[in-house]
Amino acid sequence: MIGLYDQDGVLRIAGRDRDDCLAYAEFFGLEAGSFSLEVLQGELADPLLAAA
């Protein structure tokens, strides 16, 4: 998974790949240089699903 972080360091989206994140940036009009892409380590888990 790839994360797109805004210039304040806030995770805006966790996408399957780079293209997901770039589509998000384009949709919301984020300019190049106003965000960064980082590989996310580990898995995202929903604690409610894990308990089911």
N, C-alpha and C. Protein backbone atom coordinates (compact mmCIF):
# COMPACT_ATOMS: atom_id res chain seq x y z
N MET A 1 0.83 -1.17 0.00
CA MET A 1 0.00 0.00 0.00
C MET A 1 0.89 1.25 0.00
N ILE A 2 0.33 2.28 -0.57
CA ILE A 2 1.03 3.56 -0.67
C ILE A 2 0.18 4.62 0.04
N GLY A 3 0.83 5.47 0.81
CA GLY A 3 0.13 6.56 1.47
C GLY A 3 0.47 7.89 0.84
N LEU A 4 -0.53 8.75 0.73
CA LEU A 4 -0.32 10.11 0.25
C LEU A 4 -0.46 11.02 1.46
N TYR A 5 0.60 11.75 1.75
CA TYR A 5 0.64 12.68 2.88
C TYR A 5 0.63 14.11 2.35
N ASP A 6 -0.15 14.98 3.00
CA ASP A 6 -0.15 16.38 2.58
C ASP A 6 1.06 17.10 3.18
N GLN A 7 1.19 18.38 2.89
CA GLN A 7 2.36 19.14 3.32
C GLN A 7 2.43 19.33 4.83
N ASP A 8 1.32 19.03 5.54
CA ASP A 8 1.31 19.11 7.00
C ASP A 8 1.61 17.76 7.65
N GLY A 9 1.87 16.75 6.82
CA GLY A 9 2.19 15.42 7.33
C GLY A 9 0.97 14.58 7.67
N VAL A 10 -0.21 14.99 7.18
CA VAL A 10 -1.43 14.24 7.45
C VAL A 10 -1.65 13.22 6.33
N LEU A 11 -1.89 11.97 6.74
CA LEU A 11 -2.20 10.93 5.76
C LEU A 11 -3.57 11.21 5.17
N ARG A 12 -3.62 11.44 3.86
CA ARG A 12 -4.88 11.77 3.19
C ARG A 12 -5.54 10.55 2.58
N ILE A 13 -4.73 9.59 2.10
CA ILE A 13 -5.28 8.37 1.50
C ILE A 13 -4.25 7.27 1.58
N ALA A 14 -4.73 6.05 1.80
CA ALA A 14 -3.90 4.86 1.70
C ALA A 14 -4.44 4.09 0.50
N GLY A 15 -3.69 4.10 -0.59
CA GLY A 15 -4.14 3.47 -1.82
C GLY A 15 -3.44 2.15 -2.08
N ARG A 16 -4.01 1.39 -3.00
CA ARG A 16 -3.41 0.10 -3.38
C ARG A 16 -2.07 0.29 -4.06
N ASP A 17 -1.97 1.39 -4.82
CA ASP A 17 -0.73 1.65 -5.56
C ASP A 17 -0.58 3.15 -5.81
N ARG A 18 0.51 3.49 -6.47
CA ARG A 18 0.83 4.89 -6.75
C ARG A 18 -0.26 5.57 -7.57
N ASP A 19 -0.82 4.83 -8.53
CA ASP A 19 -1.85 5.40 -9.38
C ASP A 19 -3.09 5.82 -8.59
N ASP A 20 -3.48 5.04 -7.59
CA ASP A 20 -4.61 5.41 -6.73
C ASP A 20 -4.35 6.76 -6.07
N CYS A 21 -3.16 6.92 -5.53
CA CYS A 21 -2.82 8.15 -4.82
C CYS A 21 -2.75 9.34 -5.76
N LEU A 22 -2.19 9.14 -6.94
CA LEU A 22 -2.11 10.24 -7.90
C LEU A 22 -3.48 10.62 -8.43
N ALA A 23 -4.38 9.65 -8.58
CA ALA A 23 -5.75 9.96 -8.99
C ALA A 23 -6.44 10.79 -7.92
N TYR A 24 -6.20 10.46 -6.65
CA TYR A 24 -6.75 11.23 -5.54
C TYR A 24 -6.24 12.67 -5.59
N ALA A 25 -4.93 12.81 -5.78
CA ALA A 25 -4.33 14.14 -5.83
C ALA A 25 -4.92 14.96 -6.98
N GLU A 26 -5.10 14.34 -8.12
CA GLU A 26 -5.68 15.04 -9.26
C GLU A 26 -7.13 15.43 -8.98
N PHE A 27 -7.91 14.51 -8.43
CA PHE A 27 -9.32 14.77 -8.15
C PHE A 27 -9.50 15.95 -7.20
N PHE A 28 -8.63 16.03 -6.17
CA PHE A 28 -8.75 17.10 -5.19
C PHE A 28 -7.89 18.33 -5.52
N GLY A 29 -7.26 18.32 -6.68
CA GLY A 29 -6.50 19.48 -7.14
C GLY A 29 -5.24 19.74 -6.34
N LEU A 30 -4.62 18.69 -5.82
CA LEU A 30 -3.37 18.87 -5.07
C LEU A 30 -2.23 19.10 -6.07
N GLU A 31 -1.49 20.14 -5.86
CA GLU A 31 -0.40 20.47 -6.78
C GLU A 31 0.85 19.66 -6.45
N ALA A 32 1.63 19.37 -7.49
CA ALA A 32 2.90 18.68 -7.30
C ALA A 32 3.74 19.47 -6.30
N GLY A 33 4.36 18.79 -5.39
CA GLY A 33 5.16 19.44 -4.36
C GLY A 33 4.38 19.72 -3.09
N SER A 34 3.05 19.55 -3.14
CA SER A 34 2.24 19.79 -1.93
C SER A 34 1.89 18.49 -1.21
N PHE A 35 2.42 17.37 -1.72
CA PHE A 35 2.17 16.08 -1.10
C PHE A 35 3.36 15.16 -1.35
N SER A 36 3.39 14.08 -0.59
CA SER A 36 4.44 13.07 -0.80
C SER A 36 3.79 11.70 -0.76
N LEU A 37 4.44 10.74 -1.40
CA LEU A 37 3.99 9.35 -1.42
C LEU A 37 4.98 8.51 -0.62
N GLU A 38 4.45 7.66 0.24
CA GLU A 38 5.30 6.81 1.07
C GLU A 38 4.75 5.39 1.08
N VAL A 39 5.63 4.42 1.06
CA VAL A 39 5.21 3.02 1.20
C VAL A 39 4.79 2.81 2.64
N LEU A 40 3.61 2.23 2.83
CA LEU A 40 3.11 1.95 4.18
C LEU A 40 3.51 0.53 4.56
N GLN A 41 4.04 0.38 5.75
CA GLN A 41 4.47 -0.93 6.24
C GLN A 41 3.36 -1.55 7.06
N GLY A 42 3.30 -2.86 7.08
CA GLY A 42 2.29 -3.56 7.87
C GLY A 42 0.95 -3.55 7.19
N GLU A 43 -0.04 -4.06 7.89
CA GLU A 43 -1.38 -4.12 7.35
C GLU A 43 -2.30 -3.22 8.12
N LEU A 44 -3.27 -2.65 7.43
CA LEU A 44 -4.31 -1.89 8.10
C LEU A 44 -5.36 -2.88 8.56
N ALA A 45 -5.75 -2.80 9.80
CA ALA A 45 -6.73 -3.73 10.33
C ALA A 45 -7.85 -2.97 11.02
N ASP A 46 -9.05 -3.47 10.86
CA ASP A 46 -10.20 -2.91 11.54
C ASP A 46 -10.45 -3.78 12.76
N PRO A 47 -10.30 -3.24 13.98
CA PRO A 47 -10.46 -4.05 15.18
C PRO A 47 -11.84 -4.68 15.29
N LEU A 48 -12.86 -4.04 14.74
CA LEU A 48 -14.20 -4.62 14.77
C LEU A 48 -14.31 -5.87 13.90
N LEU A 49 -13.62 -5.87 12.76
CA LEU A 49 -13.63 -7.04 11.90
C LEU A 49 -12.82 -8.18 12.51
N ALA A 50 -11.75 -7.85 13.19
CA ALA A 50 -10.91 -8.88 13.81
C ALA A 50 -11.66 -9.62 14.92
N ALA A 51 -12.59 -8.92 15.60
CA ALA A 51 -13.33 -9.54 16.69
C ALA A 51 -14.47 -10.42 16.19
N ALA A 52 -14.84 -10.29 14.94
CA ALA A 52 -16.00 -11.03 14.40
C ALA A 52 -15.66 -12.48 14.14
